[in-house]
Amino acid sequence: MKKVVVTGASSGIGRAISERLLSLGYRVLGVSRTIDSYTFSSENFTALQVNLSEERATLNLCEKLKKENIYMLINAAGFGRFAPHEELNAKTITEMTFLNLTAPMLLTNATLRSLKKSEGYLININSIEAIRTSKFAGVYSATKAGLKAFGDVLFEETRKSGLSITNINPDMTESAFYDDLRFETSKKEDEKLFASDIADAVEHILTMRKGAVVSEYTIRSLKFGIRKKK
C-alpha cells in the first residue's frame, strides 16, 4: 500500500484530502499538532502529532520520514495573519514563515529521494495569494509565493525522475483557517470553496495519465464574497 504524508491533516483542506486518499486506498500518515489516532477510523491512518512551527520537532519528523518509503507528500499545513505589516509581532512573522514555507521545504528535502524513486507526487497547497497582491497580506503572500516558486523550481529540477509536482492555489475556502481572523468566507455557496473542492483537485491529479502533469492548479469561487465578523 502506497504511503502518503499529509500535513495539516486534522482539519480543513488537509483533513478533506486525507479522507479522500484513504477512500482511494492509500495509507495516510497525517501530521498535525492536534491529531491523534482517533481522528480517522481507518486502519490505514497513522497520526503523527508534531508542531510544524517548531524547528526541532520538524527536524525530528524529517529524520523519521527519511526511513519511510513515501509515495506522496502533500504540504497542506499553514496559517495566516492579516494586518498592516508594522502591527505584526516578530513571533507571528517567524512562526508563519516557518510553518508555511520552511517546514514544507524541510519535509520535501527529507522525502525527495523516496518520492523520486517511487515516481510519486509532491503537492503543495498554496493560496490564491501566491499569485496576486492583496494589502495586509505581506508575510502570508510571501510565504505562499515562496512555496509556489519552490515547487516550480523542483518541477524543472526533477523532471527526469518521473516525480509529478503540482502547486494548488485555492481561493477562500471554508475551514478553521478563519477562526482567529476578523473575516471569514461568505455564507453563499457560490462565493466560497469547500475543502472537498481541493480534495477533488488532488483526486483529479492522481487519476491523470502519468505522462501529463498539471503543474499549477488554481481554483476560484464562481463569485467573490467575504464576510466581516462583528
C-alpha atoms as a PDB file:
ATOM      1  CA  MET A   1       0.000   0.000   0.000  1.00  0.00           C
ATOM      2  CA  LYS A   2       1.413   3.391  -1.022  1.00  0.00           C
ATOM      3  CA  LYS A   3       2.260   5.774   1.819  1.00  0.00           C
ATOM      4  CA  VAL A   4       1.228   9.414   1.745  1.00  0.00           C
ATOM      5  CA  VAL A   5       2.253  12.181   4.137  1.00  0.00           C
ATOM      6  CA  VAL A   6      -0.350  14.923   4.596  1.00  0.00           C
ATOM      7  CA  THR A   7       0.420  17.911   6.830  1.00  0.00           C
ATOM      8  CA  GLY A   8      -2.392  19.824   8.472  1.00  0.00           C
ATOM      9  CA  ALA A   9      -4.420  16.601   8.405  1.00  0.00           C
ATOM     10  CA  SER A  10      -6.551  17.299  11.487  1.00  0.00           C
ATOM     11  CA  SER A  11      -8.867  19.874   9.901  1.00  0.00           C
ATOM     12  CA  GLY A  12      -9.877  21.825   6.813  1.00  0.00           C
ATOM     13  CA  ILE A  13      -8.205  21.122   3.494  1.00  0.00           C
ATOM     14  CA  GLY A  14      -5.672  18.681   4.944  1.00  0.00           C
ATOM     15  CA  ARG A  15      -8.405  16.610   6.575  1.00  0.00           C
ATOM     16  CA  ALA A  16     -10.544  16.540   3.425  1.00  0.00           C
ATOM     17  CA  ILE A  17      -7.557  15.409   1.364  1.00  0.00           C
ATOM     18  CA  SER A  18      -6.671  12.738   3.928  1.00  0.00           C
ATOM     19  CA  GLU A  19     -10.223  11.384   3.908  1.00  0.00           C
ATOM     20  CA  ARG A  20     -10.218  11.276   0.113  1.00  0.00           C
ATOM     21  CA  LEU A  21      -6.864   9.485  -0.063  1.00  0.00           C
ATOM     22  CA  LEU A  22      -7.992   6.897   2.475  1.00  0.00           C
ATOM     23  CA  SER A  23     -11.087   6.245   0.348  1.00  0.00           C
ATOM     24  CA  LEU A  24      -8.807   5.769  -2.677  1.00  0.00           C
ATOM     25  CA  GLY A  25      -6.788   3.076  -0.908  1.00  0.00           C
ATOM     26  CA  TYR A  26      -3.692   4.954   0.245  1.00  0.00           C
ATOM     27  CA  ARG A  27      -2.016   4.652   3.634  1.00  0.00           C
ATOM     28  CA  VAL A  28      -2.030   8.140   5.137  1.00  0.00           C
ATOM     29  CA  LEU A  29       0.492   9.488   7.639  1.00  0.00           C
ATOM     30  CA  GLY A  30      -1.324  12.554   8.956  1.00  0.00           C
ATOM     31  CA  VAL A  31       0.729  15.312  10.556  1.00  0.00           C
ATOM     32  CA  SER A  32      -0.699  17.958  12.905  1.00  0.00           C
ATOM     33  CA  ARG A  33      -0.044  19.326  16.366  1.00  0.00           C
ATOM     34  CA  THR A  34      -3.572  18.289  17.481  1.00  0.00           C
ATOM     35  CA  ILE A  35      -4.041  14.999  15.636  1.00  0.00           C
ATOM     36  CA  ASP A  36      -4.430  11.576  17.264  1.00  0.00           C
ATOM     37  CA  SER A  37      -5.181   8.011  16.227  1.00  0.00           C
ATOM     38  CA  TYR A  38      -8.930   8.624  16.656  1.00  0.00           C
ATOM     39  CA  THR A  39      -9.083  11.460  14.112  1.00  0.00           C
ATOM     40  CA  PHE A  40      -9.878   8.915  11.386  1.00  0.00           C
ATOM     41  CA  SER A  41     -11.455   5.499  11.877  1.00  0.00           C
ATOM     42  CA  SER A  42      -9.474   3.863   9.061  1.00  0.00           C
ATOM     43  CA  GLU A  43      -6.829   1.293   9.974  1.00  0.00           C
ATOM     44  CA  ASN A  44      -4.754   2.768   7.147  1.00  0.00           C
ATOM     45  CA  PHE A  45      -4.308   6.069   9.004  1.00  0.00           C
ATOM     46  CA  THR A  46      -1.349   6.852  11.248  1.00  0.00           C
ATOM     47  CA  ALA A  47      -1.294  10.018  13.350  1.00  0.00           C
ATOM     48  CA  LEU A  48       1.973  11.940  13.680  1.00  0.00           C
ATOM     49  CA  GLN A  49       1.459  14.601  16.347  1.00  0.00           C
ATOM     50  CA  VAL A  50       4.021  17.271  15.504  1.00  0.00           C
ATOM     51  CA  ASN A  51       4.027  21.063  15.773  1.00  0.00           C
ATOM     52  CA  LEU A  52       5.442  22.046  12.381  1.00  0.00           C
ATOM     53  CA  SER A  53       6.017  25.630  13.505  1.00  0.00           C
ATOM     54  CA  GLU A  54       8.776  24.359  15.826  1.00  0.00           C
ATOM     55  CA  GLU A  55      12.165  23.690  14.241  1.00  0.00           C
ATOM     56  CA  ARG A  56      13.315  20.837  16.483  1.00  0.00           C
ATOM     57  CA  ALA A  57      10.019  18.948  16.202  1.00  0.00           C
ATOM     58  CA  THR A  58      10.038  19.349  12.430  1.00  0.00           C
ATOM     59  CA  LEU A  59      13.631  18.141  12.107  1.00  0.00           C
ATOM     60  CA  ASN A  60      12.834  15.101  14.260  1.00  0.00           C
ATOM     61  CA  LEU A  61       9.924  14.276  11.956  1.00  0.00           C
ATOM     62  CA  CYS A  62      12.196  14.648   8.941  1.00  0.00           C
ATOM     63  CA  GLU A  63      14.591  12.057  10.386  1.00  0.00           C
ATOM     64  CA  LYS A  64      11.699   9.605  10.827  1.00  0.00           C
ATOM     65  CA  LEU A  65      10.396  10.181   7.295  1.00  0.00           C
ATOM     66  CA  LYS A  66      13.822   9.547   5.787  1.00  0.00           C
ATOM     67  CA  LYS A  67      13.401   5.919   6.886  1.00  0.00           C
ATOM     68  CA  GLU A  68       9.996   5.550   5.219  1.00  0.00           C
ATOM     69  CA  ASN A  69       9.129   4.708   1.617  1.00  0.00           C
ATOM     70  CA  ILE A  70       6.980   7.729   0.783  1.00  0.00           C
ATOM     71  CA  TYR A  71       4.975   7.848  -2.444  1.00  0.00           C
ATOM     72  CA  MET A  72       3.359  11.248  -1.966  1.00  0.00           C
ATOM     73  CA  LEU A  73       3.886  14.373   0.140  1.00  0.00           C
ATOM     74  CA  ILE A  74       1.092  16.914   0.443  1.00  0.00           C
ATOM     75  CA  ASN A  75       2.066  20.147   2.207  1.00  0.00           C
ATOM     76  CA  ALA A  76      -1.268  21.490   3.431  1.00  0.00           C
ATOM     77  CA  ALA A  77      -0.464  22.911   6.883  1.00  0.00           C
ATOM     78  CA  GLY A  78      -0.404  26.674   7.250  1.00  0.00           C
ATOM     79  CA  PHE A  79      -1.916  29.733   8.877  1.00  0.00           C
ATOM     80  CA  GLY A  80      -2.310  33.412   8.076  1.00  0.00           C
ATOM     81  CA  ARG A  81      -2.491  36.707   9.909  1.00  0.00           C
ATOM     82  CA  PHE A  82      -3.608  39.788   8.008  1.00  0.00           C
ATOM     83  CA  ALA A  83      -2.769  43.289   9.239  1.00  0.00           C
ATOM     84  CA  PRO A  84      -0.557  46.249   8.382  1.00  0.00           C
ATOM     85  CA  HIS A  85       2.958  44.858   8.471  1.00  0.00           C
ATOM     86  CA  GLU A  86       4.130  47.091  11.320  1.00  0.00           C
ATOM     87  CA  GLU A  87       1.369  45.638  13.523  1.00  0.00           C
ATOM     88  CA  LEU A  88       2.571  42.045  13.200  1.00  0.00           C
ATOM     89  CA  ASN A  89       4.808  40.896  16.042  1.00  0.00           C
ATOM     90  CA  ALA A  90       8.065  39.033  15.458  1.00  0.00           C
ATOM     91  CA  LYS A  91       6.695  35.734  16.803  1.00  0.00           C
ATOM     92  CA  THR A  92       3.826  35.762  14.301  1.00  0.00           C
ATOM     93  CA  ILE A  93       6.178  36.545  11.411  1.00  0.00           C
ATOM     94  CA  THR A  94       8.699  33.835  12.285  1.00  0.00           C
ATOM     95  CA  GLU A  95       6.073  31.149  13.023  1.00  0.00           C
ATOM     96  CA  MET A  96       4.118  31.896   9.845  1.00  0.00           C
ATOM     97  CA  THR A  97       7.262  31.787   7.749  1.00  0.00           C
ATOM     98  CA  PHE A  98       8.444  28.536   9.303  1.00  0.00           C
ATOM     99  CA  LEU A  99       5.118  26.690   9.110  1.00  0.00           C
ATOM    100  CA  ASN A 100       4.080  27.913   5.651  1.00  0.00           C
ATOM    101  CA  LEU A 101       7.447  27.767   3.898  1.00  0.00           C
ATOM    102  CA  THR A 102      10.404  26.382   5.854  1.00  0.00           C
ATOM    103  CA  ALA A 103       8.670  23.240   7.134  1.00  0.00           C
ATOM    104  CA  PRO A 104       7.464  22.186   3.652  1.00  0.00           C
ATOM    105  CA  MET A 105      10.974  22.671   2.271  1.00  0.00           C
ATOM    106  CA  LEU A 106      12.462  20.566   5.088  1.00  0.00           C
ATOM    107  CA  LEU A 107       9.873  17.802   4.662  1.00  0.00           C
ATOM    108  CA  THR A 108      10.453  17.796   0.918  1.00  0.00           C
ATOM    109  CA  ASN A 109      14.194  17.565   1.488  1.00  0.00           C
ATOM    110  CA  ALA A 110      13.674  14.553   3.761  1.00  0.00           C
ATOM    111  CA  THR A 111      11.350  12.679   1.391  1.00  0.00           C
ATOM    112  CA  LEU A 112      12.537  13.738  -2.073  1.00  0.00           C
ATOM    113  CA  ARG A 113      14.764  10.726  -2.768  1.00  0.00           C
ATOM    114  CA  SER A 114      11.890   8.419  -1.900  1.00  0.00           C
ATOM    115  CA  LEU A 115       9.394  10.438  -3.953  1.00  0.00           C
ATOM    116  CA  LYS A 116      11.689  10.335  -6.986  1.00  0.00           C
ATOM    117  CA  LYS A 117      12.438   6.634  -6.630  1.00  0.00           C
ATOM    118  CA  SER A 118       8.730   5.764  -6.431  1.00  0.00           C
ATOM    119  CA  GLU A 119       7.838   8.202  -9.257  1.00  0.00           C
ATOM    120  CA  GLY A 120       5.254   9.635  -6.913  1.00  0.00           C
ATOM    121  CA  TYR A 121       3.724  13.031  -6.222  1.00  0.00           C
ATOM    122  CA  LEU A 122       4.587  16.261  -4.422  1.00  0.00           C
ATOM    123  CA  ILE A 123       1.596  18.571  -3.986  1.00  0.00           C
ATOM    124  CA  ASN A 124       1.833  21.987  -2.331  1.00  0.00           C
ATOM    125  CA  ILE A 125      -1.384  23.588  -1.111  1.00  0.00           C
ATOM    126  CA  ASN A 126      -0.564  27.243  -1.647  1.00  0.00           C
ATOM    127  CA  SER A 127      -3.157  30.016  -1.859  1.00  0.00           C
ATOM    128  CA  ILE A 128      -4.619  32.432  -4.356  1.00  0.00           C
ATOM    129  CA  GLU A 129      -2.402  34.924  -2.520  1.00  0.00           C
ATOM    130  CA  ALA A 130       0.612  33.238  -4.107  1.00  0.00           C
ATOM    131  CA  ILE A 131      -0.321  34.711  -7.489  1.00  0.00           C
ATOM    132  CA  ARG A 132      -1.908  38.061  -6.624  1.00  0.00           C
ATOM    133  CA  THR A 133      -1.225  41.076  -4.421  1.00  0.00           C
ATOM    134  CA  SER A 134      -3.517  41.920  -1.501  1.00  0.00           C
ATOM    135  CA  LYS A 135      -2.971  44.553   1.160  1.00  0.00           C
ATOM    136  CA  PHE A 136      -2.388  43.399   4.750  1.00  0.00           C
ATOM    137  CA  ALA A 137      -1.151  40.010   3.483  1.00  0.00           C
ATOM    138  CA  GLY A 138       2.561  40.728   3.066  1.00  0.00           C
ATOM    139  CA  VAL A 139       4.053  37.871   5.087  1.00  0.00           C
ATOM    140  CA  TYR A 140       1.356  35.335   4.211  1.00  0.00           C
ATOM    141  CA  SER A 141       1.582  36.124   0.498  1.00  0.00           C
ATOM    142  CA  ALA A 142       5.378  35.983   0.616  1.00  0.00           C
ATOM    143  CA  THR A 143       5.333  32.517   2.201  1.00  0.00           C
ATOM    144  CA  LYS A 144       2.813  31.163  -0.290  1.00  0.00           C
ATOM    145  CA  ALA A 145       4.539  32.733  -3.283  1.00  0.00           C
ATOM    146  CA  GLY A 146       7.794  31.275  -1.975  1.00  0.00           C
ATOM    147  CA  LEU A 147       6.283  27.799  -1.700  1.00  0.00           C
ATOM    148  CA  LYS A 148       4.953  28.093  -5.240  1.00  0.00           C
ATOM    149  CA  ALA A 149       8.388  29.164  -6.513  1.00  0.00           C
ATOM    150  CA  PHE A 150       9.939  26.237  -4.647  1.00  0.00           C
ATOM    151  CA  GLY A 151       7.542  23.806  -6.333  1.00  0.00           C
ATOM    152  CA  ASP A 152       8.136  25.357  -9.765  1.00  0.00           C
ATOM    153  CA  VAL A 153      11.907  25.003  -9.420  1.00  0.00           C
ATOM    154  CA  LEU A 154      11.658  21.412  -8.203  1.00  0.00           C
ATOM    155  CA  PHE A 155       9.422  20.561 -11.150  1.00  0.00           C
ATOM    156  CA  GLU A 156      12.205  21.575 -13.530  1.00  0.00           C
ATOM    157  CA  GLU A 157      14.909  20.015 -11.336  1.00  0.00           C
ATOM    158  CA  THR A 158      13.284  16.574 -11.087  1.00  0.00           C
ATOM    159  CA  ARG A 159      11.607  16.117 -14.481  1.00  0.00           C
ATOM    160  CA  LYS A 160      13.827  13.194 -15.467  1.00  0.00           C
ATOM    161  CA  SER A 161      12.869  11.305 -12.311  1.00  0.00           C
ATOM    162  CA  GLY A 162       9.190  10.705 -13.036  1.00  0.00           C
ATOM    163  CA  LEU A 163       8.089  12.685  -9.956  1.00  0.00           C
ATOM    164  CA  SER A 164       4.928  14.753 -10.533  1.00  0.00           C
ATOM    165  CA  ILE A 165       4.835  18.158  -8.798  1.00  0.00           C
ATOM    166  CA  THR A 166       1.761  20.377  -8.558  1.00  0.00           C
ATOM    167  CA  ASN A 167       1.077  23.713  -6.882  1.00  0.00           C
ATOM    168  CA  ILE A 168      -2.599  24.117  -5.945  1.00  0.00           C
ATOM    169  CA  ASN A 169      -3.732  27.716  -5.400  1.00  0.00           C
ATOM    170  CA  PRO A 170      -7.178  27.759  -3.744  1.00  0.00           C
ATOM    171  CA  ASP A 171      -9.331  30.837  -3.286  1.00  0.00           C
ATOM    172  CA  MET A 172     -11.035  31.435   0.075  1.00  0.00           C
ATOM    173  CA  THR A 173     -12.054  28.024   1.397  1.00  0.00           C
ATOM    174  CA  GLU A 174     -14.455  27.391   4.259  1.00  0.00           C
ATOM    175  CA  SER A 175     -12.374  25.989   7.124  1.00  0.00           C
ATOM    176  CA  ALA A 176     -10.983  26.674  10.592  1.00  0.00           C
ATOM    177  CA  PHE A 177      -8.335  28.875   8.913  1.00  0.00           C
ATOM    178  CA  TYR A 178     -10.559  31.890   9.623  1.00  0.00           C
ATOM    179  CA  ASP A 179     -11.396  31.094  13.254  1.00  0.00           C
ATOM    180  CA  ASP A 180      -8.937  33.650  14.669  1.00  0.00           C
ATOM    181  CA  LEU A 181      -9.309  36.234  11.902  1.00  0.00           C
ATOM    182  CA  ARG A 182     -11.557  39.265  11.615  1.00  0.00           C
ATOM    183  CA  PHE A 183     -13.175  37.980   8.437  1.00  0.00           C
ATOM    184  CA  GLU A 184     -14.434  34.686   7.038  1.00  0.00           C
ATOM    185  CA  THR A 185     -15.865  33.129   3.912  1.00  0.00           C
ATOM    186  CA  SER A 186     -19.236  34.164   2.584  1.00  0.00           C
ATOM    187  CA  LYS A 187     -22.332  32.226   3.609  1.00  0.00           C
ATOM    188  CA  LYS A 188     -23.261  31.805  -0.071  1.00  0.00           C
ATOM    189  CA  GLU A 189     -22.066  28.576  -1.647  1.00  0.00           C
ATOM    190  CA  ASP A 190     -21.098  30.171  -4.978  1.00  0.00           C
ATOM    191  CA  GLU A 191     -18.910  32.761  -3.196  1.00  0.00           C
ATOM    192  CA  LYS A 192     -16.532  30.321  -1.498  1.00  0.00           C
ATOM    193  CA  LEU A 193     -14.783  26.997  -1.907  1.00  0.00           C
ATOM    194  CA  PHE A 194     -15.214  23.894   0.214  1.00  0.00           C
ATOM    195  CA  ALA A 195     -12.343  21.706   1.387  1.00  0.00           C
ATOM    196  CA  SER A 196     -13.860  18.929  -0.700  1.00  0.00           C
ATOM    197  CA  ASP A 197     -13.189  21.021  -3.824  1.00  0.00           C
ATOM    198  CA  ILE A 198      -9.465  20.851  -3.098  1.00  0.00           C
ATOM    199  CA  ALA A 199      -9.723  17.116  -2.443  1.00  0.00           C
ATOM    200  CA  ASP A 200     -11.415  16.821  -5.863  1.00  0.00           C
ATOM    201  CA  ALA A 201      -8.414  18.562  -7.432  1.00  0.00           C
ATOM    202  CA  VAL A 202      -5.998  16.155  -5.740  1.00  0.00           C
ATOM    203  CA  GLU A 203      -8.005  13.165  -6.956  1.00  0.00           C
ATOM    204  CA  HIS A 204      -8.026  14.621 -10.472  1.00  0.00           C
ATOM    205  CA  ILE A 205      -4.236  14.994 -10.389  1.00  0.00           C
ATOM    206  CA  LEU A 206      -3.825  11.383  -9.277  1.00  0.00           C
ATOM    207  CA  THR A 207      -6.141   9.979 -11.947  1.00  0.00           C
ATOM    208  CA  MET A 208      -4.452  11.722 -14.859  1.00  0.00           C
ATOM    209  CA  ARG A 209      -2.146   9.855 -17.202  1.00  0.00           C
ATOM    210  CA  LYS A 210       1.261   9.787 -15.526  1.00  0.00           C
ATOM    211  CA  GLY A 211       2.910  11.309 -18.591  1.00  0.00           C
ATOM    212  CA  ALA A 212       0.894  14.520 -18.130  1.00  0.00           C
ATOM    213  CA  VAL A 213       1.263  16.901 -15.192  1.00  0.00           C
ATOM    214  CA  VAL A 214      -0.871  19.836 -14.116  1.00  0.00           C
ATOM    215  CA  SER A 215       1.994  21.836 -12.650  1.00  0.00           C
ATOM    216  CA  GLU A 216      -0.284  24.634 -11.402  1.00  0.00           C
ATOM    217  CA  TYR A 217      -3.920  24.244 -10.352  1.00  0.00           C
ATOM    218  CA  THR A 218      -5.807  27.446  -9.443  1.00  0.00           C
ATOM    219  CA  ILE A 219      -9.323  27.076  -8.044  1.00  0.00           C
ATOM    220  CA  ARG A 220     -11.620  30.107  -7.694  1.00  0.00           C
ATOM    221  CA  SER A 221     -15.145  30.503  -6.406  1.00  0.00           C
ATOM    222  CA  LEU A 222     -17.630  31.347  -9.150  1.00  0.00           C
ATOM    223  CA  LYS A 223     -18.435  34.670  -7.463  1.00  0.00           C
ATOM    224  CA  PHE A 224     -16.482  36.737  -4.947  1.00  0.00           C
ATOM    225  CA  GLY A 225     -17.656  37.029  -1.382  1.00  0.00           C
ATOM    226  CA  ILE A 226     -16.182  37.846   2.012  1.00  0.00           C
ATOM    227  CA  ARG A 227     -17.849  38.317   5.382  1.00  0.00           C
ATOM    228  CA  LYS A 228     -16.534  40.605   8.118  1.00  0.00           C
ATOM    229  CA  LYS A 229     -17.051  39.336  11.642  1.00  0.00           C
ATOM    230  CA  LYS A 230     -18.805  41.522  14.152  1.00  0.00           C
END
